[in-house]
Amino acid sequence: MLTLTSPFDTRLHPVRAGVKLAALAVLTLGLFQIPSPLPLIGVALGLCVLHVAVGGPRFAAHALRMLWPVWPFVAVVGLWHLWLGDLAAGGVIILRMLCAIAAANLVTMTTRLADMIAVIERLARPFAFALPPRRLALAIALVIRFIPVLAERMGHLRDAYRARSAGRQAGWRILGPAALAALDDAEHVAEALQARGGAE
């Protein structure tokens, strides 16, 4: 789930978080039962129509932009299957990945984080003896929140590198600073949680 809640309400916002997460799980399982690219293209087109129907063209365009971070994985899978000479299998994997992430983004954009945490806590109660549900829900919420923040931070680092190196691409050179920035953010979040009484 690569994005945060949509800033404006959509037709899916009133739907309960548990229903949306259950539908996402069913859809994801169903994607792995489809063996050929053509039906998956139909699913992808259906998801595009659903995004437009739920929130309009602007909402759908924003959701499409949120898929951009996935392009390295698409490129790796595509090149690997091109080398193997099995483009159909590569297309199936790429389409499954894009459909699953697009559907997950749709759920995230139309669900408040507090509602998602409540669902995770309910599902985790039978396993409370091993892991307190509140901690698990908080960890998942923090991951969902950190992904776009880290992506934005890496964008700033890329811009800073270009400004200092006559427009050259940063590439792997920003991985170290990005990792340090992520650790610094994690430390600040840990201190804030501790100051508020921890994860319990």
C-alpha atoms as a PDB file:
ATOM      1  CA  MET A   1       0.000   0.000   0.000  1.00  0.00           C
ATOM      2  CA  LEU A   2       1.954   2.930  -1.318  1.00  0.00           C
ATOM      3  CA  THR A   3      -0.301   5.849  -0.567  1.00  0.00           C
ATOM      4  CA  LEU A   4      -2.175   7.508   2.273  1.00  0.00           C
ATOM      5  CA  THR A   5      -5.857   8.261   2.712  1.00  0.00           C
ATOM      6  CA  SER A   6      -7.394  10.352  -0.051  1.00  0.00           C
ATOM      7  CA  PRO A   7      -7.815  14.027   0.935  1.00  0.00           C
ATOM      8  CA  PHE A   8     -11.391  14.029  -0.370  1.00  0.00           C
ATOM      9  CA  ASP A   9     -14.240  11.600   0.276  1.00  0.00           C
ATOM     10  CA  THR A  10     -15.181   8.931  -2.245  1.00  0.00           C
ATOM     11  CA  ARG A  11     -17.995   6.422  -2.585  1.00  0.00           C
ATOM     12  CA  LEU A  12     -15.848   3.785  -0.846  1.00  0.00           C
ATOM     13  CA  HIS A  13     -15.106   5.824   2.281  1.00  0.00           C
ATOM     14  CA  PRO A  14     -18.342   4.837   4.084  1.00  0.00           C
ATOM     15  CA  VAL A  15     -17.720   1.106   3.461  1.00  0.00           C
ATOM     16  CA  ARG A  16     -16.382  -0.673   6.550  1.00  0.00           C
ATOM     17  CA  ALA A  17     -12.621  -1.268   6.622  1.00  0.00           C
ATOM     18  CA  GLY A  18     -13.062  -4.987   7.313  1.00  0.00           C
ATOM     19  CA  VAL A  19     -15.221  -5.431   4.214  1.00  0.00           C
ATOM     20  CA  LYS A  20     -12.664  -3.661   2.008  1.00  0.00           C
ATOM     21  CA  LEU A  21      -9.736  -5.624   3.424  1.00  0.00           C
ATOM     22  CA  ALA A  22     -11.629  -8.905   2.972  1.00  0.00           C
ATOM     23  CA  ALA A  23     -12.425  -7.984  -0.643  1.00  0.00           C
ATOM     24  CA  LEU A  24      -8.754  -7.118  -1.185  1.00  0.00           C
ATOM     25  CA  ALA A  25      -7.685 -10.511   0.183  1.00  0.00           C
ATOM     26  CA  VAL A  26     -10.169 -12.342  -2.070  1.00  0.00           C
ATOM     27  CA  LEU A  27      -9.083 -10.348  -5.129  1.00  0.00           C
ATOM     28  CA  THR A  28      -5.397 -10.985  -4.434  1.00  0.00           C
ATOM     29  CA  LEU A  29      -5.986 -14.730  -4.053  1.00  0.00           C
ATOM     30  CA  GLY A  30      -8.047 -14.690  -7.228  1.00  0.00           C
ATOM     31  CA  LEU A  31      -5.243 -13.006  -9.180  1.00  0.00           C
ATOM     32  CA  PHE A  32      -2.999 -16.007  -8.532  1.00  0.00           C
ATOM     33  CA  GLN A  33      -5.617 -18.338  -9.987  1.00  0.00           C
ATOM     34  CA  ILE A  34      -5.489 -16.572 -13.379  1.00  0.00           C
ATOM     35  CA  PRO A  35      -2.834 -18.237 -15.574  1.00  0.00           C
ATOM     36  CA  SER A  36      -2.889 -16.037 -18.710  1.00  0.00           C
ATOM     37  CA  PRO A  37      -2.360 -12.321 -19.426  1.00  0.00           C
ATOM     38  CA  LEU A  38      -5.630 -11.569 -21.224  1.00  0.00           C
ATOM     39  CA  PRO A  39      -7.991 -12.009 -18.223  1.00  0.00           C
ATOM     40  CA  LEU A  40      -5.509 -10.069 -16.067  1.00  0.00           C
ATOM     41  CA  ILE A  41      -5.653  -7.191 -18.550  1.00  0.00           C
ATOM     42  CA  GLY A  42      -9.426  -7.280 -18.051  1.00  0.00           C
ATOM     43  CA  VAL A  43      -8.943  -7.100 -14.259  1.00  0.00           C
ATOM     44  CA  ALA A  44      -6.559  -4.153 -14.676  1.00  0.00           C
ATOM     45  CA  LEU A  45      -9.061  -2.312 -16.874  1.00  0.00           C
ATOM     46  CA  GLY A  46     -11.799  -3.087 -14.362  1.00  0.00           C
ATOM     47  CA  LEU A  47      -9.701  -1.574 -11.573  1.00  0.00           C
ATOM     48  CA  CYS A  48      -9.157   1.560 -13.696  1.00  0.00           C
ATOM     49  CA  VAL A  49     -12.915   1.892 -14.219  1.00  0.00           C
ATOM     50  CA  LEU A  50     -13.511   1.299 -10.499  1.00  0.00           C
ATOM     51  CA  HIS A  51     -11.071   4.067  -9.537  1.00  0.00           C
ATOM     52  CA  VAL A  52     -12.844   6.518 -11.847  1.00  0.00           C
ATOM     53  CA  ALA A  53     -16.286   5.422 -10.600  1.00  0.00           C
ATOM     54  CA  VAL A  54     -15.238   5.697  -6.946  1.00  0.00           C
ATOM     55  CA  GLY A  55     -13.537   9.095  -6.965  1.00  0.00           C
ATOM     56  CA  GLY A  56     -13.544  10.557 -10.451  1.00  0.00           C
ATOM     57  CA  PRO A  57     -10.726  11.158 -12.963  1.00  0.00           C
ATOM     58  CA  ARG A  58      -8.558  13.194 -10.566  1.00  0.00           C
ATOM     59  CA  PHE A  59      -8.670  10.420  -7.956  1.00  0.00           C
ATOM     60  CA  ALA A  60      -7.847   7.802 -10.615  1.00  0.00           C
ATOM     61  CA  ALA A  61      -4.933   9.890 -11.934  1.00  0.00           C
ATOM     62  CA  HIS A  62      -3.517  10.212  -8.411  1.00  0.00           C
ATOM     63  CA  ALA A  63      -3.813   6.446  -7.889  1.00  0.00           C
ATOM     64  CA  LEU A  64      -2.022   5.863 -11.201  1.00  0.00           C
ATOM     65  CA  ARG A  65       0.841   8.158 -10.147  1.00  0.00           C
ATOM     66  CA  MET A  66       1.171   6.158  -6.923  1.00  0.00           C
ATOM     67  CA  LEU A  67       2.132   3.104  -9.004  1.00  0.00           C
ATOM     68  CA  TRP A  68       5.265   4.825 -10.301  1.00  0.00           C
ATOM     69  CA  PRO A  69       7.580   3.475  -7.517  1.00  0.00           C
ATOM     70  CA  VAL A  70       6.818  -0.055  -8.766  1.00  0.00           C
ATOM     71  CA  TRP A  71       8.538   0.481 -12.143  1.00  0.00           C
ATOM     72  CA  PRO A  72      11.962  -0.972 -11.071  1.00  0.00           C
ATOM     73  CA  PHE A  73      10.274  -4.274 -10.171  1.00  0.00           C
ATOM     74  CA  VAL A  74       8.350  -4.249 -13.446  1.00  0.00           C
ATOM     75  CA  ALA A  75      11.603  -3.630 -15.331  1.00  0.00           C
ATOM     76  CA  VAL A  76      13.493  -6.425 -13.540  1.00  0.00           C
ATOM     77  CA  VAL A  77      10.703  -8.980 -14.067  1.00  0.00           C
ATOM     78  CA  GLY A  78      10.250  -7.918 -17.692  1.00  0.00           C
ATOM     79  CA  LEU A  79      13.959  -8.082 -18.541  1.00  0.00           C
ATOM     80  CA  TRP A  80      14.382 -11.433 -16.792  1.00  0.00           C
ATOM     81  CA  HIS A  81      11.530 -13.037 -18.711  1.00  0.00           C
ATOM     82  CA  LEU A  82      12.714 -11.417 -21.929  1.00  0.00           C
ATOM     83  CA  TRP A  83      16.077 -13.120 -21.375  1.00  0.00           C
ATOM     84  CA  LEU A  84      14.271 -16.408 -20.646  1.00  0.00           C
ATOM     85  CA  GLY A  85      12.181 -15.977 -23.780  1.00  0.00           C
ATOM     86  CA  ASP A  86       8.908 -16.327 -21.838  1.00  0.00           C
ATOM     87  CA  LEU A  87       7.174 -12.972 -22.181  1.00  0.00           C
ATOM     88  CA  ALA A  88       3.737 -14.423 -21.400  1.00  0.00           C
ATOM     89  CA  ALA A  89       4.835 -15.592 -17.938  1.00  0.00           C
ATOM     90  CA  GLY A  90       6.512 -12.238 -17.306  1.00  0.00           C
ATOM     91  CA  GLY A  91       3.344 -10.424 -18.365  1.00  0.00           C
ATOM     92  CA  VAL A  92       1.275 -12.515 -15.954  1.00  0.00           C
ATOM     93  CA  ILE A  93       3.580 -11.711 -13.032  1.00  0.00           C
ATOM     94  CA  ILE A  94       3.705  -7.984 -13.850  1.00  0.00           C
ATOM     95  CA  LEU A  95      -0.061  -7.728 -14.276  1.00  0.00           C
ATOM     96  CA  ARG A  96      -0.702  -9.612 -11.030  1.00  0.00           C
ATOM     97  CA  MET A  97       1.693  -7.299  -9.194  1.00  0.00           C
ATOM     98  CA  LEU A  98       0.202  -4.106 -10.639  1.00  0.00           C
ATOM     99  CA  CYS A  99      -3.385  -5.215 -10.018  1.00  0.00           C
ATOM    100  CA  ALA A 100      -2.671  -6.254  -6.425  1.00  0.00           C
ATOM    101  CA  ILE A 101      -0.857  -3.001  -5.607  1.00  0.00           C
ATOM    102  CA  ALA A 102      -3.505  -0.865  -7.344  1.00  0.00           C
ATOM    103  CA  ALA A 103      -6.256  -2.614  -5.363  1.00  0.00           C
ATOM    104  CA  ALA A 104      -4.293  -2.218  -2.108  1.00  0.00           C
ATOM    105  CA  ASN A 105      -3.780   1.471  -2.860  1.00  0.00           C
ATOM    106  CA  LEU A 106      -7.514   1.861  -3.464  1.00  0.00           C
ATOM    107  CA  VAL A 107      -8.245   0.352  -0.051  1.00  0.00           C
ATOM    108  CA  THR A 108      -5.632   2.545   1.633  1.00  0.00           C
ATOM    109  CA  MET A 109      -6.836   5.725  -0.062  1.00  0.00           C
ATOM    110  CA  THR A 110     -10.440   5.127   0.995  1.00  0.00           C
ATOM    111  CA  THR A 111      -9.854   3.849   4.549  1.00  0.00           C
ATOM    112  CA  ARG A 112      -8.870   5.827   7.613  1.00  0.00           C
ATOM    113  CA  LEU A 113      -5.731   4.474   9.273  1.00  0.00           C
ATOM    114  CA  ALA A 114      -7.513   4.225  12.637  1.00  0.00           C
ATOM    115  CA  ASP A 115     -10.177   1.968  11.078  1.00  0.00           C
ATOM    116  CA  MET A 116      -7.502  -0.244   9.532  1.00  0.00           C
ATOM    117  CA  ILE A 117      -5.681  -0.525  12.864  1.00  0.00           C
ATOM    118  CA  ALA A 118      -8.943  -1.540  14.571  1.00  0.00           C
ATOM    119  CA  VAL A 119      -9.468  -4.357  12.041  1.00  0.00           C
ATOM    120  CA  ILE A 120      -5.900  -5.621  12.472  1.00  0.00           C
ATOM    121  CA  GLU A 121      -6.288  -5.589  16.248  1.00  0.00           C
ATOM    122  CA  ARG A 122      -9.480  -7.679  16.043  1.00  0.00           C
ATOM    123  CA  LEU A 123      -7.866 -10.210  13.723  1.00  0.00           C
ATOM    124  CA  ALA A 124      -4.762 -10.486  15.923  1.00  0.00           C
ATOM    125  CA  ARG A 125      -6.598 -11.099  19.219  1.00  0.00           C
ATOM    126  CA  PRO A 126      -6.367 -14.923  18.999  1.00  0.00           C
ATOM    127  CA  PHE A 127      -2.565 -14.553  18.846  1.00  0.00           C
ATOM    128  CA  ALA A 128      -2.287 -12.115  21.753  1.00  0.00           C
ATOM    129  CA  PHE A 129      -0.285 -14.660  23.764  1.00  0.00           C
ATOM    130  CA  ALA A 130       2.595 -14.300  21.288  1.00  0.00           C
ATOM    131  CA  LEU A 131       2.233 -10.689  20.139  1.00  0.00           C
ATOM    132  CA  PRO A 132       0.011  -7.968  21.627  1.00  0.00           C
ATOM    133  CA  PRO A 133      -2.493  -6.934  18.917  1.00  0.00           C
ATOM    134  CA  ARG A 134      -1.931  -3.239  19.583  1.00  0.00           C
ATOM    135  CA  ARG A 135       1.777  -3.558  18.845  1.00  0.00           C
ATOM    136  CA  LEU A 136       1.185  -5.454  15.621  1.00  0.00           C
ATOM    137  CA  ALA A 137      -1.426  -2.925  14.427  1.00  0.00           C
ATOM    138  CA  LEU A 138       0.839  -0.022  15.303  1.00  0.00           C
ATOM    139  CA  ALA A 139       3.788  -1.601  13.478  1.00  0.00           C
ATOM    140  CA  ILE A 140       1.721  -2.111  10.314  1.00  0.00           C
ATOM    141  CA  ALA A 141       0.348   1.433  10.528  1.00  0.00           C
ATOM    142  CA  LEU A 142       3.853   2.844  10.879  1.00  0.00           C
ATOM    143  CA  VAL A 143       5.061   0.890   7.838  1.00  0.00           C
ATOM    144  CA  ILE A 144       2.135   2.191   5.774  1.00  0.00           C
ATOM    145  CA  ARG A 145       2.879   5.729   6.950  1.00  0.00           C
ATOM    146  CA  PHE A 146       6.650   5.502   6.474  1.00  0.00           C
ATOM    147  CA  ILE A 147       6.637   4.314   2.844  1.00  0.00           C
ATOM    148  CA  PRO A 148       5.420   7.592   1.298  1.00  0.00           C
ATOM    149  CA  VAL A 149       7.505   9.629   3.752  1.00  0.00           C
ATOM    150  CA  LEU A 150      10.643   7.700   2.784  1.00  0.00           C
ATOM    151  CA  ALA A 151       9.803   8.056  -0.920  1.00  0.00           C
ATOM    152  CA  GLU A 152       9.481  11.821  -0.459  1.00  0.00           C
ATOM    153  CA  ARG A 153      12.766  11.944   1.462  1.00  0.00           C
ATOM    154  CA  MET A 154      14.545  10.073  -1.338  1.00  0.00           C
ATOM    155  CA  GLY A 155      13.109  12.546  -3.835  1.00  0.00           C
ATOM    156  CA  HIS A 156      14.607  15.421  -1.846  1.00  0.00           C
ATOM    157  CA  LEU A 157      17.960  13.611  -1.701  1.00  0.00           C
ATOM    158  CA  ARG A 158      17.904  13.065  -5.491  1.00  0.00           C
ATOM    159  CA  ASP A 159      17.138  16.742  -6.075  1.00  0.00           C
ATOM    160  CA  ALA A 160      19.910  17.798  -3.703  1.00  0.00           C
ATOM    161  CA  TYR A 161      22.427  15.517  -5.436  1.00  0.00           C
ATOM    162  CA  ARG A 162      21.495  16.871  -8.885  1.00  0.00           C
ATOM    163  CA  ALA A 163      21.857  20.449  -7.634  1.00  0.00           C
ATOM    164  CA  ARG A 164      25.377  19.727  -6.342  1.00  0.00           C
ATOM    165  CA  SER A 165      26.612  17.635  -9.291  1.00  0.00           C
ATOM    166  CA  ALA A 166      25.664  19.549 -12.439  1.00  0.00           C
ATOM    167  CA  GLY A 167      22.440  17.627 -12.982  1.00  0.00           C
ATOM    168  CA  ARG A 168      23.898  14.091 -12.854  1.00  0.00           C
ATOM    169  CA  GLN A 169      21.613  11.281 -11.731  1.00  0.00           C
ATOM    170  CA  ALA A 170      22.049  10.199  -8.112  1.00  0.00           C
ATOM    171  CA  GLY A 171      21.457   6.462  -8.575  1.00  0.00           C
ATOM    172  CA  TRP A 172      22.848   4.266  -5.807  1.00  0.00           C
ATOM    173  CA  ARG A 173      24.714   7.172  -4.192  1.00  0.00           C
ATOM    174  CA  ILE A 174      21.698   8.264  -2.144  1.00  0.00           C
ATOM    175  CA  LEU A 175      21.038   4.821  -0.619  1.00  0.00           C
ATOM    176  CA  GLY A 176      23.362   5.460   2.338  1.00  0.00           C
ATOM    177  CA  PRO A 177      21.896   8.874   3.226  1.00  0.00           C
ATOM    178  CA  ALA A 178      18.373   7.523   2.709  1.00  0.00           C
ATOM    179  CA  ALA A 179      19.042   4.612   5.102  1.00  0.00           C
ATOM    180  CA  LEU A 180      20.462   7.008   7.716  1.00  0.00           C
ATOM    181  CA  ALA A 181      17.451   9.305   7.308  1.00  0.00           C
ATOM    182  CA  ALA A 182      15.089   6.345   7.780  1.00  0.00           C
ATOM    183  CA  LEU A 183      16.936   5.296  10.956  1.00  0.00           C
ATOM    184  CA  ASP A 184      16.805   8.874  12.242  1.00  0.00           C
ATOM    185  CA  ASP A 185      13.051   9.082  11.598  1.00  0.00           C
ATOM    186  CA  ALA A 186      12.531   5.707  13.276  1.00  0.00           C
ATOM    187  CA  GLU A 187      14.453   6.889  16.350  1.00  0.00           C
ATOM    188  CA  HIS A 188      12.319  10.027  16.602  1.00  0.00           C
ATOM    189  CA  VAL A 189       9.135   7.974  16.298  1.00  0.00           C
ATOM    190  CA  ALA A 190      10.371   5.557  18.980  1.00  0.00           C
ATOM    191  CA  GLU A 191      11.116   8.474  21.328  1.00  0.00           C
ATOM    192  CA  ALA A 192       7.679   9.961  20.670  1.00  0.00           C
ATOM    193  CA  LEU A 193       5.980   6.625  21.393  1.00  0.00           C
ATOM    194  CA  GLN A 194       7.983   6.162  24.560  1.00  0.00           C
ATOM    195  CA  ALA A 195       7.053   9.657  25.731  1.00  0.00           C
ATOM    196  CA  ARG A 196       3.371   8.770  25.213  1.00  0.00           C
ATOM    197  CA  GLY A 197       3.575   5.548  27.187  1.00  0.00           C
ATOM    198  CA  GLY A 198       4.752   3.074  24.547  1.00  0.00           C
ATOM    199  CA  ALA A 199       2.750   0.868  22.212  1.00  0.00           C
ATOM    200  CA  GLU A 200       0.401  -0.548  24.853  1.00  0.00           C
END
